[in-house]
Amino acid sequence: MPPYQGDVKPLTHNLDLRKFFDYYDDGDPYHLSAVGMLMEAINKADPSILDSSADWFETWKWGGKRKDLRTPSEWIGLD
C-alpha cells in the first residue's frame, strides 16, 4: 500500500467474501497469492476453520457436485 501523508489514512471497509467467488480466477497469480495470504491468516487465527470437518464446509458440501468443477476431495488431495 502506498504511504499516506500525515494522519490521513485510507478508508477501509469490511469485505464480503461471497463477491470474491464470482470473480476468482485460479489462473491469476495475484488471486492465487491473495488466497494464499488469506489462508495463512486464517490458519494463524484458528486452524480449525479450514478443517474438512468445519461446520461451514459441511454446509457447503450439501450444495451438491457440479459437473464442471473438481470435487472437494480432488482439491484437498484425496483423489
N, C-alpha and C. Protein backbone atom coordinates (compact mmCIF):
# COMPACT_ATOMS: atom_id res chain seq x y z
N MET A 1 0.84 -1.16 0.00
CA MET A 1 0.00 0.00 0.00
C MET A 1 0.90 1.24 0.00
N PRO A 2 0.57 2.22 -0.81
CA PRO A 2 1.39 3.44 -0.84
C PRO A 2 1.31 4.17 0.49
N PRO A 3 2.37 4.87 0.83
CA PRO A 3 2.33 5.60 2.10
C PRO A 3 1.30 6.73 2.04
N TYR A 4 0.78 7.07 3.17
CA TYR A 4 -0.15 8.19 3.25
C TYR A 4 0.53 9.32 4.00
N GLN A 5 0.03 10.51 3.82
CA GLN A 5 0.67 11.69 4.40
C GLN A 5 0.02 12.06 5.72
N GLY A 6 0.85 12.37 6.68
CA GLY A 6 0.35 12.82 7.97
C GLY A 6 -0.55 11.80 8.63
N ASP A 7 -1.65 12.30 9.16
CA ASP A 7 -2.61 11.43 9.85
C ASP A 7 -3.73 10.95 8.94
N VAL A 8 -3.62 11.21 7.63
CA VAL A 8 -4.66 10.80 6.69
C VAL A 8 -4.43 9.34 6.32
N LYS A 9 -5.38 8.50 6.70
CA LYS A 9 -5.29 7.07 6.41
C LYS A 9 -6.34 6.72 5.37
N PRO A 10 -6.07 5.69 4.56
CA PRO A 10 -7.06 5.29 3.54
C PRO A 10 -8.32 4.76 4.21
N LEU A 11 -9.46 4.96 3.57
CA LEU A 11 -10.71 4.42 4.07
C LEU A 11 -10.70 2.91 3.92
N THR A 12 -11.24 2.24 4.88
CA THR A 12 -11.34 0.78 4.81
C THR A 12 -12.79 0.38 5.09
N HIS A 13 -13.13 -0.83 4.68
CA HIS A 13 -14.46 -1.37 4.94
C HIS A 13 -14.37 -2.89 4.98
N ASN A 14 -15.38 -3.52 5.55
CA ASN A 14 -15.42 -4.97 5.61
C ASN A 14 -15.68 -5.53 4.21
N LEU A 15 -15.03 -6.63 3.91
CA LEU A 15 -15.17 -7.28 2.60
C LEU A 15 -16.17 -8.43 2.69
N ASP A 16 -16.90 -8.64 1.62
CA ASP A 16 -17.86 -9.73 1.52
C ASP A 16 -17.22 -10.83 0.67
N LEU A 17 -16.80 -11.91 1.29
CA LEU A 17 -16.11 -12.98 0.56
C LEU A 17 -16.96 -13.58 -0.54
N ARG A 18 -18.27 -13.54 -0.41
CA ARG A 18 -19.14 -14.12 -1.44
C ARG A 18 -18.91 -13.45 -2.79
N LYS A 19 -18.61 -12.18 -2.80
CA LYS A 19 -18.35 -11.46 -4.05
C LYS A 19 -17.05 -11.93 -4.70
N PHE A 20 -16.08 -12.33 -3.89
CA PHE A 20 -14.81 -12.79 -4.44
C PHE A 20 -14.98 -14.09 -5.21
N PHE A 21 -15.89 -14.94 -4.81
CA PHE A 21 -16.11 -16.19 -5.52
C PHE A 21 -16.57 -15.94 -6.95
N ASP A 22 -17.31 -14.87 -7.16
CA ASP A 22 -17.78 -14.55 -8.51
C ASP A 22 -16.64 -14.19 -9.46
N TYR A 23 -15.60 -13.59 -8.95
CA TYR A 23 -14.53 -13.05 -9.79
C TYR A 23 -13.20 -13.78 -9.66
N TYR A 24 -13.14 -14.79 -8.82
CA TYR A 24 -11.88 -15.51 -8.60
C TYR A 24 -11.42 -16.21 -9.87
N ASP A 25 -10.15 -16.05 -10.21
CA ASP A 25 -9.55 -16.67 -11.39
C ASP A 25 -8.32 -17.45 -10.93
N ASP A 26 -8.41 -18.78 -10.93
CA ASP A 26 -7.28 -19.57 -10.42
C ASP A 26 -6.07 -19.55 -11.35
N GLY A 27 -6.16 -18.85 -12.46
CA GLY A 27 -5.01 -18.66 -13.33
C GLY A 27 -4.32 -17.32 -13.12
N ASP A 28 -4.89 -16.49 -12.27
CA ASP A 28 -4.33 -15.16 -11.99
C ASP A 28 -3.38 -15.24 -10.81
N PRO A 29 -2.09 -14.93 -11.02
CA PRO A 29 -1.13 -15.06 -9.91
C PRO A 29 -1.46 -14.15 -8.73
N TYR A 30 -2.09 -13.02 -8.96
CA TYR A 30 -2.46 -12.13 -7.86
C TYR A 30 -3.59 -12.75 -7.03
N HIS A 31 -4.54 -13.36 -7.70
CA HIS A 31 -5.63 -14.03 -6.99
C HIS A 31 -5.07 -15.19 -6.17
N LEU A 32 -4.20 -15.99 -6.78
CA LEU A 32 -3.60 -17.12 -6.07
C LEU A 32 -2.82 -16.66 -4.85
N SER A 33 -2.05 -15.61 -5.01
CA SER A 33 -1.26 -15.07 -3.90
C SER A 33 -2.16 -14.55 -2.79
N ALA A 34 -3.20 -13.82 -3.18
CA ALA A 34 -4.11 -13.25 -2.19
C ALA A 34 -4.82 -14.35 -1.39
N VAL A 35 -5.26 -15.40 -2.07
CA VAL A 35 -5.93 -16.50 -1.38
C VAL A 35 -4.93 -17.22 -0.46
N GLY A 36 -3.70 -17.36 -0.90
CA GLY A 36 -2.67 -17.95 -0.04
C GLY A 36 -2.46 -17.12 1.22
N MET A 37 -2.45 -15.80 1.06
CA MET A 37 -2.29 -14.91 2.21
C MET A 37 -3.49 -15.03 3.17
N LEU A 38 -4.69 -15.14 2.59
CA LEU A 38 -5.88 -15.31 3.41
C LEU A 38 -5.83 -16.62 4.17
N MET A 39 -5.40 -17.69 3.50
CA MET A 39 -5.29 -18.99 4.16
C MET A 39 -4.29 -18.94 5.32
N GLU A 40 -3.17 -18.26 5.12
CA GLU A 40 -2.19 -18.11 6.20
C GLU A 40 -2.78 -17.36 7.38
N ALA A 41 -3.53 -16.30 7.10
CA ALA A 41 -4.14 -15.51 8.17
C ALA A 41 -5.18 -16.34 8.93
N ILE A 42 -5.97 -17.13 8.19
CA ILE A 42 -6.97 -17.98 8.84
C ILE A 42 -6.28 -19.03 9.70
N ASN A 43 -5.25 -19.67 9.17
CA ASN A 43 -4.52 -20.68 9.94
C ASN A 43 -3.88 -20.09 11.19
N LYS A 44 -3.41 -18.87 11.09
CA LYS A 44 -2.81 -18.21 12.24
C LYS A 44 -3.87 -17.90 13.30
N ALA A 45 -5.05 -17.46 12.86
CA ALA A 45 -6.12 -17.11 13.79
C ALA A 45 -6.77 -18.34 14.42
N ASP A 46 -7.08 -19.34 13.59
CA ASP A 46 -7.74 -20.56 14.08
C ASP A 46 -7.69 -21.62 12.99
N PRO A 47 -6.73 -22.53 13.04
CA PRO A 47 -6.57 -23.55 12.00
C PRO A 47 -7.80 -24.43 11.81
N SER A 48 -8.64 -24.57 12.82
CA SER A 48 -9.82 -25.45 12.69
C SER A 48 -10.83 -24.88 11.68
N ILE A 49 -10.74 -23.61 11.35
CA ILE A 49 -11.66 -23.02 10.37
C ILE A 49 -11.51 -23.70 9.02
N LEU A 50 -10.29 -24.11 8.67
CA LEU A 50 -10.05 -24.73 7.37
C LEU A 50 -10.04 -26.26 7.43
N ASP A 51 -10.53 -26.82 8.51
CA ASP A 51 -10.60 -28.27 8.64
C ASP A 51 -11.80 -28.79 7.85
N SER A 52 -11.65 -29.95 7.25
CA SER A 52 -12.75 -30.50 6.44
C SER A 52 -13.96 -30.90 7.28
N SER A 53 -13.84 -30.88 8.60
CA SER A 53 -14.99 -31.16 9.47
C SER A 53 -15.64 -29.88 9.99
N ALA A 54 -15.17 -28.71 9.52
CA ALA A 54 -15.73 -27.44 9.96
C ALA A 54 -17.19 -27.31 9.51
N ASP A 55 -18.00 -26.68 10.33
CA ASP A 55 -19.43 -26.53 10.02
C ASP A 55 -19.68 -25.90 8.66
N TRP A 56 -18.93 -24.83 8.32
CA TRP A 56 -19.17 -24.14 7.05
C TRP A 56 -18.92 -25.08 5.87
N PHE A 57 -17.90 -25.95 5.99
CA PHE A 57 -17.59 -26.86 4.90
C PHE A 57 -18.65 -27.94 4.77
N GLU A 58 -19.14 -28.42 5.90
CA GLU A 58 -20.22 -29.41 5.88
C GLU A 58 -21.45 -28.82 5.18
N THR A 59 -21.78 -27.57 5.48
CA THR A 59 -22.90 -26.90 4.83
C THR A 59 -22.64 -26.74 3.34
N TRP A 60 -21.43 -26.32 2.99
CA TRP A 60 -21.07 -26.11 1.59
C TRP A 60 -21.22 -27.39 0.78
N LYS A 61 -20.84 -28.53 1.36
CA LYS A 61 -20.92 -29.80 0.65
C LYS A 61 -22.36 -30.17 0.29
N TRP A 62 -23.32 -29.71 1.06
CA TRP A 62 -24.72 -30.01 0.77
C TRP A 62 -25.19 -29.35 -0.52
N GLY A 63 -24.41 -28.41 -1.05
CA GLY A 63 -24.75 -27.76 -2.31
C GLY A 63 -24.70 -28.69 -3.50
N GLY A 64 -24.09 -29.82 -3.34
CA GLY A 64 -24.04 -30.80 -4.42
C GLY A 64 -22.80 -30.67 -5.28
N LYS A 65 -22.65 -31.63 -6.15
CA LYS A 65 -21.49 -31.71 -7.03
C LYS A 65 -21.79 -31.03 -8.36
N ARG A 66 -20.89 -30.18 -8.80
CA ARG A 66 -21.03 -29.54 -10.12
C ARG A 66 -20.18 -30.30 -11.12
N LYS A 67 -20.71 -30.55 -12.27
CA LYS A 67 -20.01 -31.33 -13.28
C LYS A 67 -18.79 -30.62 -13.85
N ASP A 68 -18.83 -29.28 -13.85
CA ASP A 68 -17.75 -28.52 -14.48
C ASP A 68 -16.57 -28.23 -13.55
N LEU A 69 -16.64 -28.68 -12.31
CA LEU A 69 -15.57 -28.40 -11.34
C LEU A 69 -15.05 -29.68 -10.72
N ARG A 70 -13.85 -29.60 -10.19
CA ARG A 70 -13.29 -30.73 -9.46
C ARG A 70 -14.04 -30.89 -8.14
N THR A 71 -14.03 -32.09 -7.60
CA THR A 71 -14.69 -32.35 -6.32
C THR A 71 -13.80 -31.85 -5.18
N PRO A 72 -14.39 -31.57 -4.00
CA PRO A 72 -13.58 -31.13 -2.86
C PRO A 72 -12.44 -32.09 -2.54
N SER A 73 -12.69 -33.40 -2.67
CA SER A 73 -11.62 -34.35 -2.35
C SER A 73 -10.47 -34.25 -3.33
N GLU A 74 -10.74 -33.82 -4.58
CA GLU A 74 -9.66 -33.63 -5.56
C GLU A 74 -8.78 -32.45 -5.18
N TRP A 75 -9.39 -31.32 -4.75
CA TRP A 75 -8.57 -30.16 -4.48
C TRP A 75 -7.99 -30.13 -3.09
N ILE A 76 -8.32 -31.12 -2.25
CA ILE A 76 -7.60 -31.23 -0.99
C ILE A 76 -6.67 -32.44 -1.02
N GLY A 77 -6.55 -33.06 -2.20
CA GLY A 77 -5.56 -34.10 -2.40
C GLY A 77 -5.97 -35.49 -1.99
N LEU A 78 -7.26 -35.78 -1.94
CA LEU A 78 -7.71 -37.12 -1.54
C LEU A 78 -7.97 -38.03 -2.74
N ASP A 79 -8.02 -37.48 -3.95
CA ASP A 79 -8.25 -38.29 -5.15
C ASP A 79 -6.98 -38.39 -5.98
